[in-house]
Amino acid sequence: MKILLVDDHRILLDGLKFLIQSQPGISEVDTADTVEGALAKIRSEIPDLIISDISIPQIGGIAFAQKVKSLYPQIRLIFLSMHDEPYRVKEALATGAEGYVLKKAAHAELLKAIEEVSRGGMFFSMAIQKILIQRMQFPEDERILTDREKEVLTLIFDEFSNKEIGEKLHISERTVETHRKNIYQKTKTNSLVGLLKFAMENNLVGGLS
């Protein structure tokens, strides 16, 4: 897999390149510290994955991603950002990006994001997931999720196991698993990251405007 790193901080670029290039399955890691430089390298040799700063100067990471996705839709893209505001995550998702990783997150999260996105999945930093789930608001009139399902969902994002959730809510582990399946069925997703994407796309996360 060929990866292009885009950030205007050379020290960060060099550190990320050193971290990533030794990972299994990575054939090449190139870098660019400007949008123009990145686009020139993409035109020369299309990468499989771009990892881009969301606040890169000039046109900015969002506009850069929109341009990349419109010209080269096959390229997967992960945003690397110091910002954890939900509206920024929504903007990032709207570009078609497959990942959003906080710069303050451990290196292990970035490597996990590369692994997940390279397999066709999506990835959000754990801190982002928790922020979004805390702000998730399901309209009462639509009753997308029951009150119990919302309780289960909150505990899932707090990283409790089905057994632990059952003990906290005084229900069986099998009942917890049923609630989990119902949550995914109702939101037409099959993972927590997919659920977050559903919530963002359907404006179920508060404070986005």
Protein backbone atom coordinates (compact mmCIF):
# COMPACT_ATOMS: atom_id res chain seq x y z
CA MET A 1 0.00 0.00 0.00
CA LYS A 2 1.29 3.46 -0.96
CA ILE A 3 0.61 6.27 1.52
CA LEU A 4 0.94 10.04 1.11
CA LEU A 5 1.28 12.16 4.26
CA VAL A 6 0.21 15.82 3.97
CA ASP A 7 1.04 18.33 6.73
CA ASP A 8 2.80 21.68 6.86
CA HIS A 9 4.88 20.67 9.89
CA ARG A 10 8.00 18.88 8.64
CA ILE A 11 8.92 17.44 12.04
CA LEU A 12 5.49 15.80 12.30
CA LEU A 13 5.76 14.47 8.74
CA ASP A 14 9.14 12.91 9.41
CA GLY A 15 7.89 11.33 12.63
CA LEU A 16 4.79 9.88 10.99
CA LYS A 17 6.80 8.55 8.08
CA PHE A 18 9.20 6.80 10.45
CA LEU A 19 6.26 5.32 12.39
CA ILE A 20 4.32 4.07 9.36
CA GLN A 21 6.94 2.89 6.88
CA SER A 22 8.02 -0.06 9.01
CA GLN A 23 4.51 -1.50 9.25
CA PRO A 24 3.60 -4.70 7.36
CA GLY A 25 1.99 -4.17 3.96
CA ILE A 26 3.30 -0.62 3.52
CA SER A 27 5.30 -0.40 0.29
CA GLU A 28 5.94 3.34 0.18
CA VAL A 29 5.37 6.42 2.35
CA ASP A 30 5.74 9.82 0.65
CA THR A 31 5.25 13.28 2.15
CA ALA A 32 4.10 16.75 1.08
CA ASP A 33 4.02 19.94 3.14
CA THR A 34 1.76 21.97 0.81
CA VAL A 35 -1.47 21.30 -1.05
CA GLU A 36 0.20 22.04 -4.37
CA GLY A 37 2.99 19.61 -3.58
CA ALA A 38 0.50 16.95 -2.57
CA LEU A 39 -1.56 17.32 -5.75
CA ALA A 40 1.60 17.18 -7.88
CA LYS A 41 2.65 13.93 -6.22
CA ILE A 42 -0.84 12.46 -6.65
CA ARG A 43 -0.79 13.30 -10.36
CA SER A 44 2.62 11.66 -10.66
CA GLU A 45 1.68 8.49 -8.76
CA ILE A 46 -1.73 7.86 -7.23
CA PRO A 47 -1.46 6.67 -3.61
CA ASP A 48 -3.80 4.15 -2.01
CA LEU A 49 -4.25 6.26 1.12
CA ILE A 50 -3.76 9.92 2.06
CA ILE A 51 -3.31 11.01 5.66
CA SER A 52 -3.87 14.76 5.77
CA ASP A 53 -3.86 17.52 8.36
CA ILE A 54 -7.32 19.09 8.44
CA SER A 55 -5.85 22.58 9.01
CA ILE A 56 -3.26 22.55 6.23
CA PRO A 57 -2.68 26.12 4.91
CA GLN A 58 -3.98 27.62 1.69
CA ILE A 59 -7.22 25.88 0.70
CA GLY A 60 -7.45 23.84 3.91
CA GLY A 61 -7.81 20.11 4.50
CA ILE A 62 -11.55 19.97 3.79
CA ALA A 63 -11.24 21.59 0.36
CA PHE A 64 -8.17 19.49 -0.38
CA ALA A 65 -10.08 16.30 0.45
CA GLN A 66 -13.05 17.37 -1.68
CA LYS A 67 -10.74 17.93 -4.62
CA VAL A 68 -8.97 14.61 -4.15
CA LYS A 69 -12.22 12.67 -3.81
CA SER A 70 -13.74 14.32 -6.88
CA LEU A 71 -10.69 13.59 -9.06
CA TYR A 72 -9.57 10.29 -7.54
CA PRO A 73 -12.53 8.67 -5.74
CA GLN A 74 -10.58 5.44 -5.27
CA ILE A 75 -8.13 7.10 -2.90
CA ARG A 76 -8.94 6.54 0.77
CA LEU A 77 -8.36 9.43 3.15
CA ILE A 78 -7.77 9.85 6.87
CA PHE A 79 -7.84 13.27 8.51
CA LEU A 80 -5.29 13.97 11.23
CA SER A 81 -6.45 16.85 13.42
CA MET A 82 -6.05 18.60 16.75
CA HIS A 83 -9.75 19.58 16.63
CA ASP A 84 -12.42 17.41 18.27
CA GLU A 85 -15.50 19.56 17.58
CA PRO A 86 -18.42 17.51 16.19
CA TYR A 87 -19.07 19.98 13.36
CA ARG A 88 -15.53 19.45 12.07
CA VAL A 89 -16.03 15.70 12.08
CA LYS A 90 -19.26 16.17 10.13
CA GLU A 91 -17.44 18.36 7.59
CA ALA A 92 -14.76 15.69 7.28
CA LEU A 93 -17.29 12.92 6.70
CA ALA A 94 -19.07 15.03 4.10
CA THR A 95 -15.92 14.95 1.94
CA GLY A 96 -16.07 11.16 1.78
CA ALA A 97 -13.11 10.70 4.13
CA GLU A 98 -12.87 7.32 5.81
CA GLY A 99 -11.12 8.32 9.03
CA TYR A 100 -10.61 11.05 11.62
CA VAL A 101 -7.73 10.72 14.09
CA LEU A 102 -6.76 13.24 16.74
CA LYS A 103 -3.13 14.33 16.80
CA LYS A 104 -3.08 13.93 20.56
CA ALA A 105 -4.11 10.28 20.24
CA ALA A 106 -1.60 7.51 20.70
CA HIS A 107 0.33 6.30 17.66
CA ALA A 108 -1.52 3.00 18.03
CA GLU A 109 -4.77 4.72 17.00
CA LEU A 110 -3.28 5.99 13.76
CA LEU A 111 -1.91 2.56 12.91
CA LYS A 112 -5.31 1.06 13.71
CA ALA A 113 -6.96 3.66 11.48
CA ILE A 114 -4.65 2.75 8.60
CA GLU A 115 -5.45 -0.92 9.09
CA GLU A 116 -9.22 -0.38 9.23
CA VAL A 117 -9.40 2.04 6.32
CA SER A 118 -7.13 -0.10 4.14
CA ARG A 119 -9.63 -2.95 4.60
CA GLY A 120 -12.50 -0.76 3.43
CA GLY A 121 -13.72 0.33 6.84
CA MET A 122 -13.85 3.61 8.75
CA PHE A 123 -12.13 4.83 11.89
CA PHE A 124 -12.66 7.58 14.47
CA SER A 125 -10.40 8.25 17.44
CA MET A 126 -11.93 6.85 20.61
CA ALA A 127 -12.19 10.36 22.09
CA ILE A 128 -14.17 11.45 19.02
CA GLN A 129 -16.50 8.46 19.34
CA LYS A 130 -17.25 9.31 22.97
CA ILE A 131 -17.90 12.98 22.21
CA LEU A 132 -20.29 12.12 19.40
CA ILE A 133 -22.22 9.49 21.34
CA GLN A 134 -22.64 11.89 24.25
CA ARG A 135 -24.18 14.42 21.86
CA MET A 136 -26.35 11.94 20.00
CA GLN A 137 -30.00 12.95 20.10
CA PHE A 138 -32.76 10.71 18.78
CA PRO A 139 -36.07 12.56 18.17
CA GLU A 140 -38.65 11.33 20.65
CA ASP A 141 -41.46 11.34 18.10
CA GLU A 142 -39.55 9.01 15.79
CA ARG A 143 -38.49 6.68 18.59
CA ILE A 144 -35.53 5.41 16.60
CA LEU A 145 -34.16 3.83 19.74
CA THR A 146 -35.95 2.92 22.95
CA ASP A 147 -34.78 4.39 26.24
CA ARG A 148 -33.24 1.03 27.16
CA GLU A 149 -31.39 0.83 23.84
CA LYS A 150 -30.00 4.32 24.45
CA GLU A 151 -28.75 3.17 27.87
CA VAL A 152 -27.11 0.13 26.32
CA LEU A 153 -25.56 2.24 23.57
CA THR A 154 -24.04 4.68 26.06
CA LEU A 155 -22.47 1.83 28.02
CA ILE A 156 -21.14 0.24 24.82
CA PHE A 157 -19.30 3.46 24.07
CA ASP A 158 -17.96 3.47 27.62
CA GLU A 159 -16.31 0.17 26.62
CA PHE A 160 -18.29 -2.10 28.93
CA SER A 161 -18.74 -5.71 27.87
CA ASN A 162 -22.18 -7.25 27.35
CA LYS A 163 -21.81 -9.00 30.71
CA GLU A 164 -20.91 -5.76 32.49
CA ILE A 165 -23.76 -3.90 30.81
CA GLY A 166 -26.18 -6.60 31.91
CA GLU A 167 -24.99 -6.32 35.50
CA LYS A 168 -25.33 -2.53 35.50
CA LEU A 169 -28.82 -2.59 33.99
CA HIS A 170 -29.93 -5.74 35.82
CA ILE A 171 -30.68 -7.62 32.62
CA SER A 172 -29.22 -10.79 31.12
CA GLU A 173 -26.20 -10.83 28.83
CA ARG A 174 -28.40 -12.33 26.09
CA THR A 175 -30.83 -9.41 26.42
CA VAL A 176 -27.95 -6.97 26.05
CA GLU A 177 -26.90 -8.75 22.86
CA THR A 178 -30.48 -8.48 21.57
CA HIS A 179 -30.50 -4.74 22.27
CA ARG A 180 -27.17 -4.41 20.45
CA LYS A 181 -28.54 -6.20 17.38
CA ASN A 182 -31.69 -4.07 17.42
CA ILE A 183 -29.62 -0.87 17.56
CA TYR A 184 -27.69 -1.92 14.47
CA GLN A 185 -30.80 -3.05 12.61
CA LYS A 186 -32.70 0.17 13.31
CA THR A 187 -29.81 2.34 12.16
CA LYS A 188 -28.91 0.05 9.25
CA THR A 189 -25.31 -0.29 10.43
CA ASN A 190 -23.13 -3.14 11.60
CA SER A 191 -20.58 -1.37 13.79
CA LEU A 192 -20.24 1.48 16.26
CA VAL A 193 -18.35 3.55 13.70
CA GLY A 194 -21.15 2.93 11.20
CA LEU A 195 -23.63 4.03 13.84
CA LEU A 196 -21.73 7.27 14.35
CA LYS A 197 -21.70 7.88 10.61
CA PHE A 198 -25.47 7.30 10.54
CA ALA A 199 -25.94 9.78 13.40
CA MET A 200 -23.81 12.44 11.71
CA GLU A 201 -25.47 12.04 8.31
CA ASN A 202 -28.94 12.23 9.86
CA ASN A 203 -28.14 15.21 12.12
CA LEU A 204 -28.63 13.17 15.28
CA VAL A 205 -25.56 14.69 16.94
CA GLY A 206 -26.35 17.97 18.66
CA GLY A 207 -24.42 21.20 18.27
CA LEU A 208 -23.31 20.77 14.67
CA SER A 209 -24.49 24.07 13.24
